[in-house]
Amino acid sequence: MKPRTWIHAAILGSFCLGFGVVLAVTDRMTTDPIAERAREDKLNSLAQVLPENLRDNNPVADALTLQDAHGRPLTIYRARKGGKVTGAAWEIRGSGYAGEIRLMMGVDAGGRILGVRALAHKETPGLGDRIGVKKGNWILHFTGRSLDAPAPERWKVKKDGGDFDQFAGATITPRGVVAAIRGGLEFFAEHKSELTGAN
């Protein structure tokens, strides 16, 4: 190898090493703040789907772990009042136009939805991102619904013959959210006794 080639290789290697060090340091410095922000967002969403008037406990300290339909561990946060379980919340996942959509869903002890909030998604700004409460009230229309209201076969967007509005130009996103919420209600029905302590 010619001397000039060695020089170029050394310069390139130095740059790569330098950028690698910068990336490693940046990652180390931002990991904890990002994790803390994600935890705060989750707690904020949790508070929105498990109303204060339904609990006198800390749902984060009253959590249990079950397996979801895919065998993944799923943390369930329970609300209690007077020692009795009044509601439960957990993370549900749907498929949107740009990938996975993660939501927090809360239901009361009877299986009625207390609220649903988007935790994370990569949907198109101005179209699919209307699943967030900061972008619209669409997600609020699920409050009060249950697996029987509407009837199971109506748990679809209107374009598919169901009861729920889709967004103009963005049907995939609401379709994925509706399916995820229905799956969450089915999970609750299947695990109701474990979630609420009811026999």
N, C-alpha and C. Protein backbone atom coordinates (compact mmCIF):
# COMPACT_ATOMS: atom_id res chain seq x y z
N MET A 1 0.85 -1.20 0.00
CA MET A 1 0.00 0.00 0.00
C MET A 1 0.89 1.25 0.00
N LYS A 2 0.54 2.21 -0.84
CA LYS A 2 1.33 3.42 -0.94
C LYS A 2 1.19 4.26 0.33
N PRO A 3 2.22 5.03 0.67
CA PRO A 3 2.16 5.88 1.88
C PRO A 3 0.95 6.80 1.90
N ARG A 4 0.59 7.33 0.71
CA ARG A 4 -0.56 8.25 0.67
C ARG A 4 -1.87 7.53 1.03
N THR A 5 -1.94 6.27 0.61
CA THR A 5 -3.13 5.47 0.95
C THR A 5 -3.23 5.26 2.45
N TRP A 6 -2.10 5.00 3.07
CA TRP A 6 -2.07 4.83 4.53
C TRP A 6 -2.57 6.10 5.23
N ILE A 7 -2.13 7.22 4.71
CA ILE A 7 -2.55 8.51 5.32
C ILE A 7 -4.07 8.67 5.24
N HIS A 8 -4.62 8.39 4.03
CA HIS A 8 -6.08 8.51 3.86
C HIS A 8 -6.81 7.54 4.77
N ALA A 9 -6.28 6.30 4.88
CA ALA A 9 -6.91 5.30 5.74
C ALA A 9 -6.86 5.75 7.21
N ALA A 10 -5.74 6.34 7.61
CA ALA A 10 -5.61 6.79 9.00
C ALA A 10 -6.57 7.93 9.29
N ILE A 11 -6.69 8.86 8.32
CA ILE A 11 -7.64 9.99 8.52
C ILE A 11 -9.07 9.47 8.63
N LEU A 12 -9.44 8.56 7.69
CA LEU A 12 -10.79 8.02 7.71
C LEU A 12 -11.05 7.26 9.02
N GLY A 13 -10.05 6.49 9.43
CA GLY A 13 -10.20 5.73 10.68
C GLY A 13 -10.37 6.65 11.87
N SER A 14 -9.62 7.75 11.87
CA SER A 14 -9.73 8.71 12.98
C SER A 14 -11.12 9.34 13.04
N PHE A 15 -11.62 9.71 11.85
CA PHE A 15 -12.97 10.28 11.81
C PHE A 15 -14.01 9.28 12.32
N CYS A 16 -13.90 8.03 11.86
CA CYS A 16 -14.86 7.00 12.28
C CYS A 16 -14.79 6.79 13.79
N LEU A 17 -13.58 6.73 14.30
CA LEU A 17 -13.41 6.53 15.74
C LEU A 17 -13.99 7.71 16.51
N GLY A 18 -13.73 8.92 16.01
CA GLY A 18 -14.24 10.12 16.68
C GLY A 18 -15.75 10.15 16.70
N PHE A 19 -16.37 9.87 15.53
CA PHE A 19 -17.83 9.87 15.48
C PHE A 19 -18.41 8.76 16.34
N GLY A 20 -17.73 7.62 16.36
CA GLY A 20 -18.20 6.52 17.21
C GLY A 20 -18.21 6.91 18.67
N VAL A 21 -17.15 7.57 19.10
CA VAL A 21 -17.07 8.02 20.50
C VAL A 21 -18.17 9.03 20.80
N VAL A 22 -18.37 9.98 19.85
CA VAL A 22 -19.41 11.00 20.06
C VAL A 22 -20.79 10.34 20.16
N LEU A 23 -21.06 9.38 19.27
CA LEU A 23 -22.36 8.71 19.31
C LEU A 23 -22.55 7.93 20.61
N ALA A 24 -21.49 7.25 21.04
CA ALA A 24 -21.58 6.46 22.27
C ALA A 24 -21.84 7.36 23.48
N VAL A 25 -21.12 8.49 23.54
CA VAL A 25 -21.30 9.41 24.66
C VAL A 25 -22.70 10.02 24.63
N THR A 26 -23.15 10.42 23.42
CA THR A 26 -24.49 11.01 23.29
C THR A 26 -25.56 10.01 23.72
N ASP A 27 -25.40 8.76 23.27
CA ASP A 27 -26.38 7.73 23.63
C ASP A 27 -26.42 7.54 25.14
N ARG A 28 -25.24 7.50 25.76
CA ARG A 28 -25.17 7.31 27.21
C ARG A 28 -25.80 8.49 27.95
N MET A 29 -25.61 9.69 27.43
CA MET A 29 -26.14 10.88 28.10
C MET A 29 -27.65 11.02 27.94
N THR A 30 -28.21 10.49 26.84
CA THR A 30 -29.63 10.71 26.58
C THR A 30 -30.52 9.53 26.94
N THR A 31 -29.95 8.37 27.18
CA THR A 31 -30.76 7.18 27.47
C THR A 31 -31.67 7.39 28.68
N ASP A 32 -31.09 7.83 29.78
CA ASP A 32 -31.88 8.00 31.01
C ASP A 32 -32.96 9.09 30.86
N PRO A 33 -32.61 10.29 30.30
CA PRO A 33 -33.67 11.30 30.12
C PRO A 33 -34.80 10.83 29.20
N ILE A 34 -34.46 10.09 28.14
CA ILE A 34 -35.51 9.59 27.24
C ILE A 34 -36.40 8.58 27.96
N ALA A 35 -35.78 7.70 28.73
CA ALA A 35 -36.56 6.71 29.49
C ALA A 35 -37.46 7.40 30.51
N GLU A 36 -36.95 8.43 31.15
CA GLU A 36 -37.73 9.17 32.14
C GLU A 36 -38.91 9.88 31.48
N ARG A 37 -38.67 10.47 30.31
CA ARG A 37 -39.76 11.14 29.58
C ARG A 37 -40.83 10.14 29.16
N ALA A 38 -40.40 8.96 28.70
CA ALA A 38 -41.36 7.92 28.31
C ALA A 38 -42.18 7.47 29.51
N ARG A 39 -41.51 7.36 30.68
CA ARG A 39 -42.23 6.98 31.90
C ARG A 39 -43.26 8.05 32.29
N GLU A 40 -42.87 9.32 32.16
CA GLU A 40 -43.79 10.41 32.48
C GLU A 40 -44.99 10.40 31.54
N ASP A 41 -44.73 10.17 30.25
CA ASP A 41 -45.83 10.12 29.28
C ASP A 41 -46.78 8.98 29.60
N LYS A 42 -46.21 7.84 30.00
CA LYS A 42 -47.06 6.69 30.33
C LYS A 42 -47.90 6.98 31.57
N LEU A 43 -47.30 7.58 32.59
CA LEU A 43 -48.04 7.91 33.80
C LEU A 43 -49.14 8.94 33.52
N ASN A 44 -48.83 9.90 32.65
CA ASN A 44 -49.83 10.91 32.28
C ASN A 44 -51.01 10.26 31.56
N SER A 45 -50.70 9.35 30.63
CA SER A 45 -51.77 8.64 29.91
C SER A 45 -52.55 7.75 30.85
N LEU A 46 -51.85 7.13 31.78
CA LEU A 46 -52.50 6.25 32.75
C LEU A 46 -53.50 7.04 33.59
N ALA A 47 -53.10 8.23 34.01
CA ALA A 47 -53.99 9.07 34.82
C ALA A 47 -55.24 9.47 34.04
N GLN A 48 -55.11 9.58 32.71
CA GLN A 48 -56.25 9.97 31.88
C GLN A 48 -57.24 8.84 31.64
N VAL A 49 -56.77 7.59 31.74
CA VAL A 49 -57.68 6.47 31.46
C VAL A 49 -58.13 5.76 32.74
N LEU A 50 -57.58 6.15 33.87
CA LEU A 50 -58.06 5.65 35.17
C LEU A 50 -58.37 6.86 36.03
N PRO A 51 -59.56 7.43 35.92
CA PRO A 51 -59.91 8.69 36.60
C PRO A 51 -59.71 8.61 38.11
N GLU A 52 -59.34 9.75 38.68
CA GLU A 52 -59.06 9.81 40.12
C GLU A 52 -60.25 9.42 40.98
N ASN A 53 -61.48 9.72 40.50
CA ASN A 53 -62.65 9.41 41.33
C ASN A 53 -62.92 7.91 41.43
N LEU A 54 -62.16 7.12 40.69
CA LEU A 54 -62.34 5.67 40.75
C LEU A 54 -61.26 5.00 41.60
N ARG A 55 -60.39 5.77 42.19
CA ARG A 55 -59.27 5.11 42.89
C ARG A 55 -58.82 5.91 44.12
N ASP A 56 -58.36 5.14 45.10
CA ASP A 56 -57.68 5.72 46.25
C ASP A 56 -56.33 5.04 46.44
N ASN A 57 -55.87 4.40 45.38
CA ASN A 57 -54.56 3.73 45.44
C ASN A 57 -53.67 4.30 44.33
N ASN A 58 -52.45 3.80 44.27
CA ASN A 58 -51.53 4.15 43.20
C ASN A 58 -51.49 2.97 42.23
N PRO A 59 -52.10 3.10 41.04
CA PRO A 59 -52.16 1.98 40.09
C PRO A 59 -50.77 1.44 39.70
N VAL A 60 -49.77 2.29 39.71
CA VAL A 60 -48.42 1.83 39.34
C VAL A 60 -47.90 0.84 40.37
N ALA A 61 -48.29 1.06 41.64
CA ALA A 61 -47.84 0.16 42.71
C ALA A 61 -48.75 -1.05 42.86
N ASP A 62 -49.83 -1.08 42.07
CA ASP A 62 -50.78 -2.20 42.16
C ASP A 62 -50.87 -2.87 40.79
N ALA A 63 -49.72 -3.18 40.25
CA ALA A 63 -49.67 -3.75 38.90
C ALA A 63 -49.43 -5.26 38.96
N LEU A 64 -49.89 -5.94 37.95
CA LEU A 64 -49.58 -7.35 37.80
C LEU A 64 -49.20 -7.59 36.34
N THR A 65 -48.56 -8.70 36.09
CA THR A 65 -48.10 -9.00 34.73
C THR A 65 -48.79 -10.27 34.22
N LEU A 66 -49.38 -10.14 33.05
CA LEU A 66 -49.97 -11.28 32.35
C LEU A 66 -49.31 -11.38 30.99
N GLN A 67 -49.71 -12.35 30.21
CA GLN A 67 -49.19 -12.46 28.84
C GLN A 67 -50.27 -12.01 27.88
N ASP A 68 -49.87 -11.25 26.86
CA ASP A 68 -50.84 -10.84 25.85
C ASP A 68 -51.08 -11.99 24.86
N ALA A 69 -51.86 -11.73 23.84
CA ALA A 69 -52.23 -12.78 22.88
C ALA A 69 -51.03 -13.34 22.12
N HIS A 70 -49.92 -12.59 22.14
CA HIS A 70 -48.71 -13.03 21.44
C HIS A 70 -47.67 -13.62 22.40
N GLY A 71 -48.07 -13.81 23.65
CA GLY A 71 -47.15 -14.39 24.63
C GLY A 71 -46.18 -13.40 25.23
N ARG A 72 -46.37 -12.11 24.96
CA ARG A 72 -45.47 -11.09 25.51
C ARG A 72 -45.95 -10.67 26.89
N PRO A 73 -45.02 -10.35 27.80
CA PRO A 73 -45.46 -9.87 29.12
C PRO A 73 -46.19 -8.54 29.00
N LEU A 74 -47.28 -8.44 29.73
CA LEU A 74 -48.12 -7.25 29.67
C LEU A 74 -48.42 -6.77 31.08
N THR A 75 -48.03 -5.54 31.37
CA THR A 75 -48.27 -4.98 32.70
C THR A 75 -49.67 -4.39 32.79
N ILE A 76 -50.40 -4.80 33.81
CA ILE A 76 -51.76 -4.31 34.03
C ILE A 76 -51.75 -3.42 35.27
N TYR A 77 -52.23 -2.21 35.14
CA TYR A 77 -52.31 -1.27 36.27
C TYR A 77 -53.75 -1.26 36.77
N ARG A 78 -53.91 -1.52 38.07
CA ARG A 78 -55.28 -1.60 38.60
C ARG A 78 -55.62 -0.42 39.50
N ALA A 79 -56.84 0.06 39.36
CA ALA A 79 -57.37 1.11 40.23
C ALA A 79 -58.24 0.43 41.27
N ARG A 80 -58.10 0.86 42.52
CA ARG A 80 -58.93 0.33 43.60
C ARG A 80 -59.54 1.48 44.38
N LYS A 81 -60.70 1.20 44.94
CA LYS A 81 -61.32 2.15 45.85
C LYS A 81 -61.93 1.32 46.98
N GLY A 82 -61.54 1.63 48.20
CA GLY A 82 -61.99 0.83 49.32
C GLY A 82 -61.54 -0.61 49.22
N GLY A 83 -60.41 -0.85 48.58
CA GLY A 83 -59.88 -2.19 48.44
C GLY A 83 -60.46 -2.98 47.28
N LYS A 84 -61.49 -2.45 46.64
CA LYS A 84 -62.14 -3.16 45.54
C LYS A 84 -61.62 -2.64 44.19
N VAL A 85 -61.33 -3.55 43.28
CA VAL A 85 -60.85 -3.13 41.96
C VAL A 85 -61.98 -2.45 41.20
N THR A 86 -61.71 -1.22 40.77
CA THR A 86 -62.72 -0.43 40.05
C THR A 86 -62.36 -0.23 38.59
N GLY A 87 -61.13 -0.58 38.23
CA GLY A 87 -60.73 -0.42 36.84
C GLY A 87 -59.33 -0.96 36.62
N ALA A 88 -58.97 -1.09 35.35
CA ALA A 88 -57.64 -1.58 35.00
C ALA A 88 -57.22 -0.92 33.69
N ALA A 89 -55.92 -0.76 33.54
CA ALA A 89 -55.40 -0.15 32.31
C ALA A 89 -54.15 -0.90 31.88
N TRP A 90 -53.95 -0.95 30.59
CA TRP A 90 -52.78 -1.62 30.04
C TRP A 90 -52.53 -1.09 28.63
N GLU A 91 -51.38 -1.45 28.12
CA GLU A 91 -50.99 -0.98 26.79
C GLU A 91 -51.51 -1.93 25.73
N ILE A 92 -52.10 -1.39 24.68
CA ILE A 92 -52.53 -2.19 23.54
C ILE A 92 -51.77 -1.71 22.31
N ARG A 93 -51.70 -2.56 21.29
CA ARG A 93 -50.94 -2.23 20.08
C ARG A 93 -51.77 -2.51 18.84
N GLY A 94 -51.68 -1.58 17.89
CA GLY A 94 -52.36 -1.74 16.62
C GLY A 94 -51.40 -1.48 15.48
N SER A 95 -51.83 -1.81 14.27
CA SER A 95 -51.01 -1.58 13.08
C SER A 95 -51.56 -0.40 12.31
N GLY A 96 -50.75 0.61 12.11
CA GLY A 96 -51.16 1.78 11.37
C GLY A 96 -50.52 1.82 10.00
N TYR A 97 -50.66 2.96 9.34
CA TYR A 97 -50.08 3.14 8.01
C TYR A 97 -48.56 3.12 8.06
N ALA A 98 -47.99 3.66 9.13
CA ALA A 98 -46.53 3.78 9.22
C ALA A 98 -45.92 2.85 10.25
N GLY A 99 -46.66 1.83 10.66
CA GLY A 99 -46.10 0.89 11.61
C GLY A 99 -46.96 0.73 12.85
N GLU A 100 -46.32 0.30 13.91
CA GLU A 100 -47.05 -0.01 15.13
C GLU A 100 -47.57 1.25 15.82
N ILE A 101 -48.78 1.12 16.36
CA ILE A 101 -49.38 2.19 17.17
C ILE A 101 -49.54 1.63 18.58
N ARG A 102 -49.02 2.34 19.57
CA ARG A 102 -49.14 1.91 20.97
C ARG A 102 -50.11 2.84 21.68
N LEU A 103 -51.05 2.25 22.40
CA LEU A 103 -52.07 3.03 23.10
C LEU A 103 -52.22 2.51 24.52
N MET A 104 -52.71 3.38 25.40
CA MET A 104 -53.06 2.99 26.76
C MET A 104 -54.58 2.97 26.84
N MET A 105 -55.13 1.86 27.31
CA MET A 105 -56.58 1.74 27.40
C MET A 105 -56.96 1.40 28.84
N GLY A 106 -57.98 2.07 29.35
CA GLY A 106 -58.48 1.78 30.67
C GLY A 106 -59.94 1.35 30.60
N VAL A 107 -60.31 0.37 31.40
CA VAL A 107 -61.70 -0.08 31.46
C VAL A 107 -62.12 -0.16 32.92
N ASP A 108 -63.43 -0.04 33.16
CA ASP A 108 -63.91 -0.21 34.53
C ASP A 108 -64.09 -1.69 34.82
N ALA A 109 -64.51 -2.02 36.03
CA ALA A 109 -64.60 -3.42 36.42
C ALA A 109 -65.65 -4.18 35.64
N GLY A 110 -66.56 -3.46 34.97
CA GLY A 110 -67.58 -4.11 34.16
C GLY A 110 -67.19 -4.26 32.71
N GLY A 111 -66.00 -3.77 32.35
CA GLY A 111 -65.53 -3.89 30.97
C GLY A 111 -65.90 -2.73 30.08
N ARG A 112 -66.32 -1.63 30.68
CA ARG A 112 -66.65 -0.44 29.89
C ARG A 112 -65.42 0.46 29.79
N ILE A 113 -65.16 0.98 28.61
CA ILE A 113 -63.95 1.78 28.39
C ILE A 113 -64.01 3.10 29.14
N LEU A 114 -62.96 3.35 29.93
CA LEU A 114 -62.82 4.62 30.65
C LEU A 114 -62.07 5.64 29.82
N GLY A 115 -61.26 5.17 28.91
CA GLY A 115 -60.51 6.08 28.05
C GLY A 115 -59.42 5.34 27.28
N VAL A 116 -59.03 5.92 26.17
CA VAL A 116 -57.94 5.40 25.35
C VAL A 116 -57.06 6.58 24.96
N ARG A 117 -55.75 6.43 25.07
CA ARG A 117 -54.83 7.49 24.69
C ARG A 117 -53.66 6.92 23.88
N ALA A 118 -53.26 7.65 22.87
CA ALA A 118 -52.12 7.22 22.06
C ALA A 118 -50.83 7.46 22.84
N LEU A 119 -49.98 6.45 22.88
CA LEU A 119 -48.67 6.57 23.54
C LEU A 119 -47.58 6.87 22.53
N ALA A 120 -47.58 6.15 21.42
CA ALA A 120 -46.53 6.33 20.41
C ALA A 120 -47.00 5.82 19.06
N HIS A 121 -46.64 6.55 18.03
CA HIS A 121 -46.96 6.14 16.66
C HIS A 121 -46.12 6.96 15.69
N LYS A 122 -46.13 6.56 14.43
CA LYS A 122 -45.40 7.29 13.40
C LYS A 122 -46.33 7.62 12.23
N GLU A 123 -47.61 7.82 12.55
CA GLU A 123 -48.58 8.09 11.51
C GLU A 123 -48.36 9.47 10.87
N THR A 124 -48.90 9.63 9.69
CA THR A 124 -48.68 10.84 8.90
C THR A 124 -49.24 12.09 9.59
N PRO A 125 -48.40 13.09 9.82
CA PRO A 125 -48.91 14.34 10.41
C PRO A 125 -50.03 14.94 9.57
N GLY A 126 -51.09 15.37 10.24
CA GLY A 126 -52.22 15.97 9.54
C GLY A 126 -53.24 14.96 9.07
N LEU A 127 -52.90 13.67 9.10
CA LEU A 127 -53.84 12.62 8.69
C LEU A 127 -54.00 11.62 9.84
N GLY A 128 -53.09 10.66 9.89
CA GLY A 128 -53.20 9.62 10.89
C GLY A 128 -52.94 10.06 12.31
N ASP A 129 -52.27 11.20 12.48
CA ASP A 129 -51.95 11.61 13.86
C ASP A 129 -53.17 12.16 14.60
N ARG A 130 -54.33 12.17 13.96
CA ARG A 130 -55.53 12.64 14.65
C ARG A 130 -56.04 11.64 15.69
N ILE A 131 -55.31 10.54 15.87
CA ILE A 131 -55.65 9.61 16.95
C ILE A 131 -55.22 10.17 18.31
N GLY A 132 -54.41 11.20 18.30
CA GLY A 132 -53.96 11.84 19.54
C GLY A 132 -54.93 12.92 19.99
N VAL A 133 -55.12 13.08 21.30
CA VAL A 133 -56.06 14.07 21.80
C VAL A 133 -55.62 15.50 21.50
N LYS A 134 -54.33 15.70 21.27
CA LYS A 134 -53.86 17.04 20.92
C LYS A 134 -54.23 17.43 19.50
N LYS A 135 -54.61 16.45 18.69
CA LYS A 135 -54.94 16.69 17.28
C LYS A 135 -56.43 16.59 16.98
N GLY A 136 -57.21 16.11 17.94
CA GLY A 136 -58.64 15.96 17.70
C GLY A 136 -59.30 15.16 18.80
N ASN A 137 -60.63 15.00 18.68
CA ASN A 137 -61.37 14.29 19.74
C ASN A 137 -61.81 12.89 19.31
N TRP A 138 -61.30 12.41 18.18
CA TRP A 138 -61.75 11.11 17.66
C TRP A 138 -61.56 10.01 18.70
N ILE A 139 -60.43 9.97 19.35
CA ILE A 139 -60.13 8.88 20.29
C ILE A 139 -61.07 8.92 21.51
N LEU A 140 -61.65 10.09 21.79
CA LEU A 140 -62.54 10.21 22.95
C LEU A 140 -63.87 9.51 22.75
N HIS A 141 -64.23 9.23 21.50
CA HIS A 141 -65.52 8.59 21.22
C HIS A 141 -65.60 7.13 21.66
N PHE A 142 -64.46 6.57 22.09
CA PHE A 142 -64.49 5.19 22.56
C PHE A 142 -64.88 5.09 24.04
N THR A 143 -64.80 6.20 24.75
CA THR A 143 -65.15 6.20 26.17
C THR A 143 -66.61 5.78 26.36
N GLY A 144 -66.83 4.84 27.27
CA GLY A 144 -68.18 4.35 27.52
C GLY A 144 -68.56 3.15 26.67
N ARG A 145 -67.74 2.83 25.67
CA ARG A 145 -68.04 1.66 24.83
C ARG A 145 -67.62 0.39 25.55
N SER A 146 -68.13 -0.73 25.07
CA SER A 146 -67.75 -2.03 25.61
C SER A 146 -67.79 -3.04 24.48
N LEU A 147 -67.47 -4.27 24.79
CA LEU A 147 -67.44 -5.30 23.75
C LEU A 147 -68.84 -5.54 23.16
N ASP A 148 -69.88 -5.19 23.90
CA ASP A 148 -71.25 -5.36 23.40
C ASP A 148 -71.87 -4.05 22.93
N ALA A 149 -71.15 -2.97 23.02
CA ALA A 149 -71.70 -1.68 22.61
C ALA A 149 -70.64 -0.90 21.82
N PRO A 150 -70.62 -1.04 20.51
CA PRO A 150 -71.63 -1.70 19.68
C PRO A 150 -71.45 -3.22 19.69
N ALA A 151 -72.33 -3.90 18.97
CA ALA A 151 -72.24 -5.36 18.85
C ALA A 151 -70.89 -5.73 18.24
N PRO A 152 -70.36 -6.90 18.60
CA PRO A 152 -69.02 -7.28 18.13
C PRO A 152 -68.79 -7.09 16.63
N GLU A 153 -69.79 -7.42 15.81
CA GLU A 153 -69.61 -7.30 14.36
C GLU A 153 -69.58 -5.85 13.88
N ARG A 154 -69.92 -4.91 14.79
CA ARG A 154 -69.90 -3.49 14.42
C ARG A 154 -68.62 -2.79 14.88
N TRP A 155 -67.69 -3.55 15.47
CA TRP A 155 -66.42 -2.97 15.91
C TRP A 155 -65.48 -2.84 14.71
N LYS A 156 -65.84 -1.96 13.79
CA LYS A 156 -65.06 -1.68 12.58
C LYS A 156 -65.29 -0.21 12.24
N VAL A 157 -64.47 0.30 11.33
CA VAL A 157 -64.73 1.65 10.82
C VAL A 157 -65.93 1.58 9.86
N LYS A 158 -66.57 2.71 9.64
CA LYS A 158 -67.78 2.75 8.81
C LYS A 158 -67.53 2.24 7.39
N LYS A 159 -66.33 2.49 6.90
CA LYS A 159 -66.01 2.04 5.53
C LYS A 159 -66.06 0.52 5.43
N ASP A 160 -65.84 -0.16 6.56
CA ASP A 160 -65.88 -1.63 6.59
C ASP A 160 -67.20 -2.16 7.12
N GLY A 161 -68.20 -1.26 7.27
CA GLY A 161 -69.51 -1.70 7.74
C GLY A 161 -69.68 -1.60 9.25
N GLY A 162 -68.80 -0.90 9.92
CA GLY A 162 -68.89 -0.76 11.36
C GLY A 162 -69.46 0.56 11.81
N ASP A 163 -69.23 0.90 13.07
CA ASP A 163 -69.82 2.10 13.68
C ASP A 163 -68.87 3.28 13.80
N PHE A 164 -67.59 3.08 13.54
CA PHE A 164 -66.62 4.13 13.87
C PHE A 164 -66.14 4.90 12.64
N ASP A 165 -66.09 6.21 12.82
CA ASP A 165 -65.63 7.08 11.72
C ASP A 165 -64.18 6.78 11.37
N GLN A 166 -63.86 6.90 10.10
CA GLN A 166 -62.47 6.88 9.68
C GLN A 166 -62.09 8.31 9.30
N PHE A 167 -60.82 8.54 9.07
CA PHE A 167 -60.38 9.87 8.65
C PHE A 167 -60.34 9.93 7.13
N ALA A 168 -60.71 11.08 6.57
CA ALA A 168 -60.60 11.24 5.12
C ALA A 168 -59.14 11.09 4.71
N GLY A 169 -58.87 10.13 3.85
CA GLY A 169 -57.51 9.93 3.36
C GLY A 169 -56.63 9.12 4.28
N ALA A 170 -57.17 8.61 5.38
CA ALA A 170 -56.34 7.84 6.32
C ALA A 170 -57.19 6.79 7.02
N THR A 171 -57.67 5.82 6.24
CA THR A 171 -58.52 4.78 6.83
C THR A 171 -57.72 3.76 7.62
N ILE A 172 -56.50 3.50 7.18
CA ILE A 172 -55.70 2.43 7.79
C ILE A 172 -55.45 2.70 9.28
N THR A 173 -55.17 3.94 9.61
CA THR A 173 -54.86 4.28 11.01
C THR A 173 -56.05 4.01 11.93
N PRO A 174 -57.23 4.59 11.67
CA PRO A 174 -58.36 4.31 12.57
C PRO A 174 -58.76 2.84 12.55
N ARG A 175 -58.62 2.20 11.40
CA ARG A 175 -58.93 0.76 11.32
C ARG A 175 -58.04 -0.03 12.29
N GLY A 176 -56.76 0.33 12.33
CA GLY A 176 -55.83 -0.35 13.23
C GLY A 176 -56.13 -0.06 14.69
N VAL A 177 -56.53 1.17 14.98
CA VAL A 177 -56.85 1.54 16.36
C VAL A 177 -58.12 0.83 16.83
N VAL A 178 -59.14 0.82 15.99
CA VAL A 178 -60.40 0.14 16.36
C VAL A 178 -60.13 -1.34 16.63
N ALA A 179 -59.34 -1.97 15.77
CA ALA A 179 -59.02 -3.40 15.97
C ALA A 179 -58.24 -3.61 17.27
N ALA A 180 -57.33 -2.70 17.57
CA ALA A 180 -56.55 -2.83 18.80
C ALA A 180 -57.44 -2.69 20.04
N ILE A 181 -58.37 -1.75 20.00
CA ILE A 181 -59.26 -1.54 21.15
C ILE A 181 -60.18 -2.74 21.32
N ARG A 182 -60.71 -3.23 20.22
CA ARG A 182 -61.54 -4.43 20.33
C ARG A 182 -60.71 -5.59 20.92
N GLY A 183 -59.49 -5.74 20.47
CA GLY A 183 -58.63 -6.79 21.02
C GLY A 183 -58.40 -6.59 22.51
N GLY A 184 -58.28 -5.33 22.94
CA GLY A 184 -58.11 -5.04 24.35
C GLY A 184 -59.33 -5.43 25.17
N LEU A 185 -60.51 -5.17 24.61
CA LEU A 185 -61.74 -5.56 25.30
C LEU A 185 -61.87 -7.08 25.37
N GLU A 186 -61.46 -7.76 24.33
CA GLU A 186 -61.50 -9.23 24.34
C GLU A 186 -60.52 -9.77 25.38
N PHE A 187 -59.37 -9.11 25.49
CA PHE A 187 -58.39 -9.51 26.51
C PHE A 187 -58.99 -9.35 27.91
N PHE A 188 -59.67 -8.23 28.13
CA PHE A 188 -60.30 -8.01 29.44
C PHE A 188 -61.34 -9.09 29.71
N ALA A 189 -62.19 -9.40 28.73
CA ALA A 189 -63.22 -10.42 28.93
C ALA A 189 -62.59 -11.77 29.27
N GLU A 190 -61.48 -12.08 28.63
CA GLU A 190 -60.82 -13.36 28.85
C GLU A 190 -60.16 -13.44 30.23
N HIS A 191 -59.67 -12.29 30.72
CA HIS A 191 -58.90 -12.28 31.97
C HIS A 191 -59.60 -11.50 33.08
N LYS A 192 -60.89 -11.32 32.97
CA LYS A 192 -61.60 -10.46 33.92
C LYS A 192 -61.39 -10.88 35.37
N SER A 193 -61.47 -12.16 35.66
CA SER A 193 -61.34 -12.60 37.05
C SER A 193 -59.95 -12.30 37.60
N GLU A 194 -58.91 -12.42 36.76
CA GLU A 194 -57.55 -12.12 37.22
C GLU A 194 -57.36 -10.61 37.40
N LEU A 195 -58.00 -9.83 36.54
CA LEU A 195 -57.81 -8.37 36.58
C LEU A 195 -58.59 -7.72 37.72
N THR A 196 -59.74 -8.24 38.00
CA THR A 196 -60.60 -7.57 38.98
C THR A 196 -60.73 -8.34 40.28
N GLY A 197 -60.33 -9.60 40.29
CA GLY A 197 -60.49 -10.41 41.48
C GLY A 197 -61.88 -10.99 41.60
N ALA A 198 -62.71 -10.72 40.56
CA ALA A 198 -64.09 -11.24 40.59
C ALA A 198 -64.11 -12.69 40.16
N ASN A 199 -65.02 -13.47 40.73
CA ASN A 199 -65.16 -14.88 40.34
C ASN A 199 -66.28 -15.04 39.33
